[in-house]
């Protein structure tokens, strides 16, 4: 029984409706062969999505984060309003204004069907900050949550490196659909661990700076670093990590990511 000429070693055996067949490479390209030697070209395009099922989400380009100027508004506007209104009208009006503004930003994002992740976080963060400020009776109390959250971020990121599960790897797997076996590879993990520690140290630095300024009662400086430590610093760290990790992977001789992706099964 003649068989189609095989151009390479790619071959997969299947049984469909009781018929033995296999996918293989032929002189005319990829073909489907049966036991009677008949071969036909195969459409290699992905199968259509099932009715009612959403299309697969494309990986996110980390560089697109640099265009997210809305994150600057979501993270910095409420603290600015709080400090400004406090100087003009006192602590309670400032607390009300900051919380109301955070809620309005979230509602605006919802109405425009935009990403509300940071807006929702802004509402909860502003709410906690307002409660602490009112309890302590000082403007500086508004910034205590930033000390606590950055301390927690530092501990979590540092622990992920110690246990050889760098947090950036989990982030890449979740946001960019990076294969877990790739980012855990011995020639990939060091690059991710190193930049995870850079993020951890930046969080520790922010916690220390906030703490010192709170103890010194520097309201204006607290507002300034709150803006600088928000989107601008995050964008710098994000883009810096993109450049550093790419270069570091080359020096480490890291394997190609595509080799770790699960292949899509051929259509029956």
Protein backbone atom coordinates (compact mmCIF):
# COMPACT_ATOMS: atom_id res chain seq x y z
CA UNK A 1 0.00 0.00 0.00
CA UNK A 2 1.65 3.28 -1.06
CA UNK A 3 2.05 5.95 1.54
CA UNK A 4 2.56 9.69 0.96
CA UNK A 5 6.16 10.82 1.10
CA UNK A 6 7.04 12.21 4.53
CA UNK A 7 9.11 15.41 4.46
CA UNK A 8 9.93 15.48 8.18
CA UNK A 9 9.15 13.62 11.37
CA UNK A 10 5.86 15.34 12.19
CA UNK A 11 3.14 12.74 12.33
CA UNK A 12 0.07 12.24 14.52
CA UNK A 13 -2.18 9.15 14.47
CA UNK A 14 -5.95 9.58 14.91
CA UNK A 15 -9.01 7.30 14.74
CA UNK A 16 -12.15 9.07 13.51
CA UNK A 17 -15.45 7.23 13.07
CA UNK A 18 -13.61 3.91 13.05
CA UNK A 19 -11.18 5.00 10.28
CA UNK A 20 -7.45 5.02 11.01
CA UNK A 21 -5.78 8.13 9.65
CA UNK A 22 -2.82 10.37 10.41
CA UNK A 23 -1.65 13.94 9.94
CA UNK A 24 1.70 14.14 8.18
CA UNK A 25 3.86 16.31 5.95
CA UNK A 26 3.65 15.54 2.20
CA UNK A 27 5.36 17.13 -0.84
CA UNK A 28 2.30 19.36 -1.22
CA UNK A 29 2.27 20.45 2.42
CA UNK A 30 0.43 19.13 5.43
CA UNK A 31 -2.02 16.41 4.44
CA UNK A 32 -4.49 13.92 5.86
CA UNK A 33 -3.77 10.33 4.86
CA UNK A 34 -5.92 7.22 5.30
CA UNK A 35 -5.05 3.54 4.97
CA UNK A 36 -6.00 3.57 1.28
CA UNK A 37 -3.24 6.08 0.59
CA UNK A 38 -5.54 8.99 -0.24
CA UNK A 39 -4.13 12.34 0.83
CA UNK A 40 -5.79 15.75 0.88
CA UNK A 41 -4.54 19.20 1.90
CA UNK A 42 -5.66 20.38 5.30
CA UNK A 43 -6.92 23.79 6.30
CA UNK A 44 -4.54 24.80 9.12
CA UNK A 45 -6.58 27.79 10.24
CA UNK A 46 -7.92 27.55 13.81
CA UNK A 47 -11.37 26.01 14.15
CA UNK A 48 -14.25 28.46 14.58
CA UNK A 49 -15.30 29.15 18.14
CA UNK A 50 -18.32 27.29 19.40
CA UNK A 51 -21.58 29.20 19.32
CA UNK A 52 -21.87 31.47 22.32
CA UNK A 53 -18.23 31.01 23.39
CA UNK A 54 -16.00 34.11 23.47
CA UNK A 55 -12.96 34.20 21.18
CA UNK A 56 -9.60 33.52 22.84
CA UNK A 57 -8.13 36.61 24.48
CA UNK A 58 -4.94 37.80 22.75
CA UNK A 59 -1.82 38.25 24.88
CA UNK A 60 -1.30 41.74 26.27
CA UNK A 61 1.66 43.77 25.04
CA UNK A 62 3.34 45.16 28.20
CA UNK A 63 4.34 48.30 26.31
CA UNK A 64 0.66 49.24 26.00
CA UNK A 65 0.74 50.01 29.73
CA UNK A 66 2.78 53.14 28.97
CA UNK A 67 -0.23 54.63 27.15
CA UNK A 68 -2.55 54.20 30.15
CA UNK A 69 -2.65 57.83 31.27
CA UNK A 70 -6.02 57.11 32.88
CA UNK A 71 -4.10 55.30 35.61
CA UNK A 72 -2.50 58.62 36.60
CA UNK A 73 -5.97 60.11 37.09
CA UNK A 74 -7.29 57.10 39.03
CA UNK A 75 -4.30 56.95 41.38
CA UNK A 76 -3.37 60.60 41.94
CA UNK A 77 -6.47 62.76 41.67
CA UNK A 78 -8.14 61.79 44.96
CA UNK A 79 -5.05 62.47 47.12
CA UNK A 80 -4.61 65.83 45.36
CA UNK A 81 -8.21 66.80 46.06
CA UNK A 82 -7.91 65.64 49.67
CA UNK A 83 -4.86 67.78 50.37
CA UNK A 84 -6.23 70.81 48.51
CA UNK A 85 -9.66 70.78 50.12
CA UNK A 86 -8.12 70.17 53.53
CA UNK A 87 -6.02 73.32 53.19
CA UNK A 88 -9.07 75.33 52.14
CA UNK A 89 -11.92 73.91 54.21
CA UNK A 90 -10.65 71.37 56.74
CA UNK A 91 -10.37 67.65 57.25
CA UNK A 92 -14.00 66.51 57.03
CA UNK A 93 -14.82 68.33 53.77
CA UNK A 94 -11.56 66.99 52.35
CA UNK A 95 -12.50 63.43 53.29
CA UNK A 96 -15.93 63.77 51.69
CA UNK A 97 -14.55 65.36 48.53
CA UNK A 98 -11.84 62.70 48.05
CA UNK A 99 -14.23 59.81 48.56
CA UNK A 100 -16.89 61.35 46.32
CA UNK A 101 -14.36 61.95 43.56
CA UNK A 102 -13.09 58.37 43.72
CA UNK A 103 -16.67 57.10 43.42
CA UNK A 104 -17.38 59.43 40.47
CA UNK A 105 -14.26 58.20 38.66
CA UNK A 106 -15.39 54.59 39.09
CA UNK A 107 -18.90 55.40 37.81
CA UNK A 108 -17.44 57.23 34.82
CA UNK A 109 -15.27 54.22 33.93
CA UNK A 110 -18.30 51.95 34.21
CA UNK A 111 -20.45 54.23 32.05
CA UNK A 112 -17.73 54.34 29.37
CA UNK A 113 -17.15 50.58 29.71
CA UNK A 114 -13.50 51.17 30.48
CA UNK A 115 -11.20 49.18 32.74
CA UNK A 116 -12.34 49.82 36.32
CA UNK A 117 -9.63 47.84 38.13
CA UNK A 118 -7.70 50.86 39.35
CA UNK A 119 -10.84 52.94 39.83
CA UNK A 120 -12.36 50.31 42.14
CA UNK A 121 -9.06 50.06 43.98
CA UNK A 122 -9.10 53.83 44.27
CA UNK A 123 -12.50 53.79 45.95
CA UNK A 124 -11.46 51.20 48.52
CA UNK A 125 -8.05 52.75 49.07
CA UNK A 126 -9.48 56.23 49.44
CA UNK A 127 -12.15 54.93 51.83
CA UNK A 128 -9.57 53.32 54.10
CA UNK A 129 -7.35 56.41 53.93
CA UNK A 130 -10.27 58.69 54.80
CA UNK A 131 -11.21 56.58 57.81
CA UNK A 132 -7.64 56.65 59.15
CA UNK A 133 -7.35 60.40 58.53
CA UNK A 134 -10.58 61.08 60.41
CA UNK A 135 -9.60 58.77 63.26
CA UNK A 136 -6.17 60.34 63.66
CA UNK A 137 -7.45 63.85 63.01
CA UNK A 138 -4.54 64.65 60.70
CA UNK A 139 -3.90 64.96 56.97
CA UNK A 140 -0.94 62.63 57.28
CA UNK A 141 -3.27 59.83 58.34
CA UNK A 142 -4.59 59.74 54.76
CA UNK A 143 -1.22 58.36 53.62
CA UNK A 144 -0.74 55.63 56.24
CA UNK A 145 -2.33 52.96 53.98
CA UNK A 146 0.44 53.60 51.46
CA UNK A 147 3.04 52.70 54.10
CA UNK A 148 1.22 49.49 54.94
CA UNK A 149 0.43 48.40 51.38
CA UNK A 150 3.96 49.02 50.11
CA UNK A 151 5.40 47.13 53.06
CA UNK A 152 3.11 44.21 52.25
CA UNK A 153 4.05 44.35 48.56
CA UNK A 154 7.75 44.28 49.45
CA UNK A 155 7.33 41.23 51.68
CA UNK A 156 5.21 39.36 49.11
CA UNK A 157 7.57 40.05 46.20
CA UNK A 158 10.68 39.20 48.20
CA UNK A 159 9.08 35.96 49.41
CA UNK A 160 8.22 34.97 45.84
CA UNK A 161 11.89 35.27 44.91
CA UNK A 162 13.08 33.35 47.99
CA UNK A 163 10.73 30.46 47.12
CA UNK A 164 11.82 30.56 43.44
CA UNK A 165 8.37 31.57 42.20
CA UNK A 166 8.99 35.19 41.11
CA UNK A 167 5.80 37.21 41.09
CA UNK A 168 6.55 38.64 37.66
CA UNK A 169 6.29 35.10 36.28
CA UNK A 170 2.78 34.72 37.68
CA UNK A 171 1.90 38.16 36.30
CA UNK A 172 3.16 37.21 32.82
CA UNK A 173 1.25 33.94 32.95
CA UNK A 174 -1.99 35.71 33.91
CA UNK A 175 -1.81 38.80 31.70
CA UNK A 176 0.32 37.64 28.74
CA UNK A 177 -0.62 33.93 28.76
CA UNK A 178 3.04 32.97 29.20
CA UNK A 179 3.50 29.19 29.66
CA UNK A 180 4.27 28.36 33.31
CA UNK A 181 6.93 25.81 32.35
CA UNK A 182 8.76 28.47 30.38
CA UNK A 183 9.02 31.15 33.08
CA UNK A 184 9.96 28.49 35.65
CA UNK A 185 12.81 27.23 33.45
CA UNK A 186 16.29 27.51 35.11
CA UNK A 187 17.51 29.79 32.32
CA UNK A 188 14.45 32.06 32.49
CA UNK A 189 13.61 32.30 36.19
CA UNK A 190 16.79 34.24 37.20
CA UNK A 191 15.86 37.19 34.96
CA UNK A 192 12.35 37.34 36.36
CA UNK A 193 13.61 36.96 39.94
CA UNK A 194 16.06 39.83 39.53
CA UNK A 195 13.45 42.25 38.26
CA UNK A 196 10.95 41.09 40.84
CA UNK A 197 13.49 42.14 43.47
CA UNK A 198 13.77 45.54 41.77
CA UNK A 199 10.00 45.92 42.20
CA UNK A 200 10.27 44.74 45.80
CA UNK A 201 12.99 47.26 46.63
CA UNK A 202 11.01 50.06 44.99
CA UNK A 203 8.05 49.19 47.23
CA UNK A 204 10.32 49.23 50.28
CA UNK A 205 11.69 52.63 49.25
CA UNK A 206 8.17 54.03 48.89
CA UNK A 207 7.15 52.73 52.31
CA UNK A 208 10.18 54.36 53.94
CA UNK A 209 9.70 57.70 52.15
CA UNK A 210 6.00 57.83 53.07
CA UNK A 211 6.79 56.97 56.67
CA UNK A 212 9.44 59.67 57.02
CA UNK A 213 7.23 62.34 55.45
CA UNK A 214 4.26 61.37 57.63
CA UNK A 215 6.35 61.60 60.79
CA UNK A 216 7.69 64.98 59.61
CA UNK A 217 4.17 66.29 58.85
CA UNK A 218 5.02 67.24 55.26
CA UNK A 219 1.59 67.36 53.58
CA UNK A 220 2.76 68.94 50.34
CA UNK A 221 5.67 66.53 49.95
CA UNK A 222 3.35 63.60 50.61
CA UNK A 223 1.12 64.71 47.76
CA UNK A 224 4.11 65.12 45.46
CA UNK A 225 5.55 61.67 46.11
CA UNK A 226 2.06 60.16 45.91
CA UNK A 227 1.83 61.37 42.32
CA UNK A 228 5.42 60.44 41.44
CA UNK A 229 5.19 56.99 43.04
CA UNK A 230 1.97 56.19 41.20
CA UNK A 231 1.71 55.81 37.43
CA UNK A 232 5.04 57.51 36.51
CA UNK A 233 7.20 55.19 38.62
CA UNK A 234 5.13 52.17 37.66
CA UNK A 235 5.53 52.99 33.96
CA UNK A 236 9.30 53.38 34.36
CA UNK A 237 9.58 50.06 36.18
CA UNK A 238 7.34 48.34 33.65
CA UNK A 239 9.25 49.55 30.60
CA UNK A 240 12.59 49.04 32.35
CA UNK A 241 11.62 45.48 33.15
CA UNK A 242 10.61 44.85 29.54
CA UNK A 243 14.04 46.00 28.31
CA UNK A 244 16.06 44.36 31.08
CA UNK A 245 14.36 40.97 30.96
CA UNK A 246 14.68 40.70 27.17
CA UNK A 247 18.42 41.46 27.33
CA UNK A 248 18.98 39.20 30.34
CA UNK A 249 17.24 36.26 28.70
CA UNK A 250 19.59 36.51 25.74
CA UNK A 251 22.61 36.41 28.04
CA UNK A 252 21.17 33.43 29.91
CA UNK A 253 20.54 31.51 26.69
CA UNK A 254 16.86 31.12 27.54
CA UNK A 255 14.78 28.77 25.37
CA UNK A 256 12.11 30.09 23.04
CA UNK A 257 8.73 30.58 24.68
CA UNK A 258 6.83 29.03 21.77
CA UNK A 259 8.47 25.67 22.43
CA UNK A 260 6.53 25.49 25.70
CA UNK A 261 3.13 26.40 24.34
CA UNK A 262 0.57 23.60 24.17
CA UNK A 263 -0.15 22.94 20.47
CA UNK A 264 -3.72 23.32 19.28
CA UNK A 265 -5.05 19.86 18.26
CA UNK A 266 -5.80 19.39 14.59
CA UNK A 267 -9.50 19.49 13.67
CA UNK A 268 -11.19 16.10 13.34
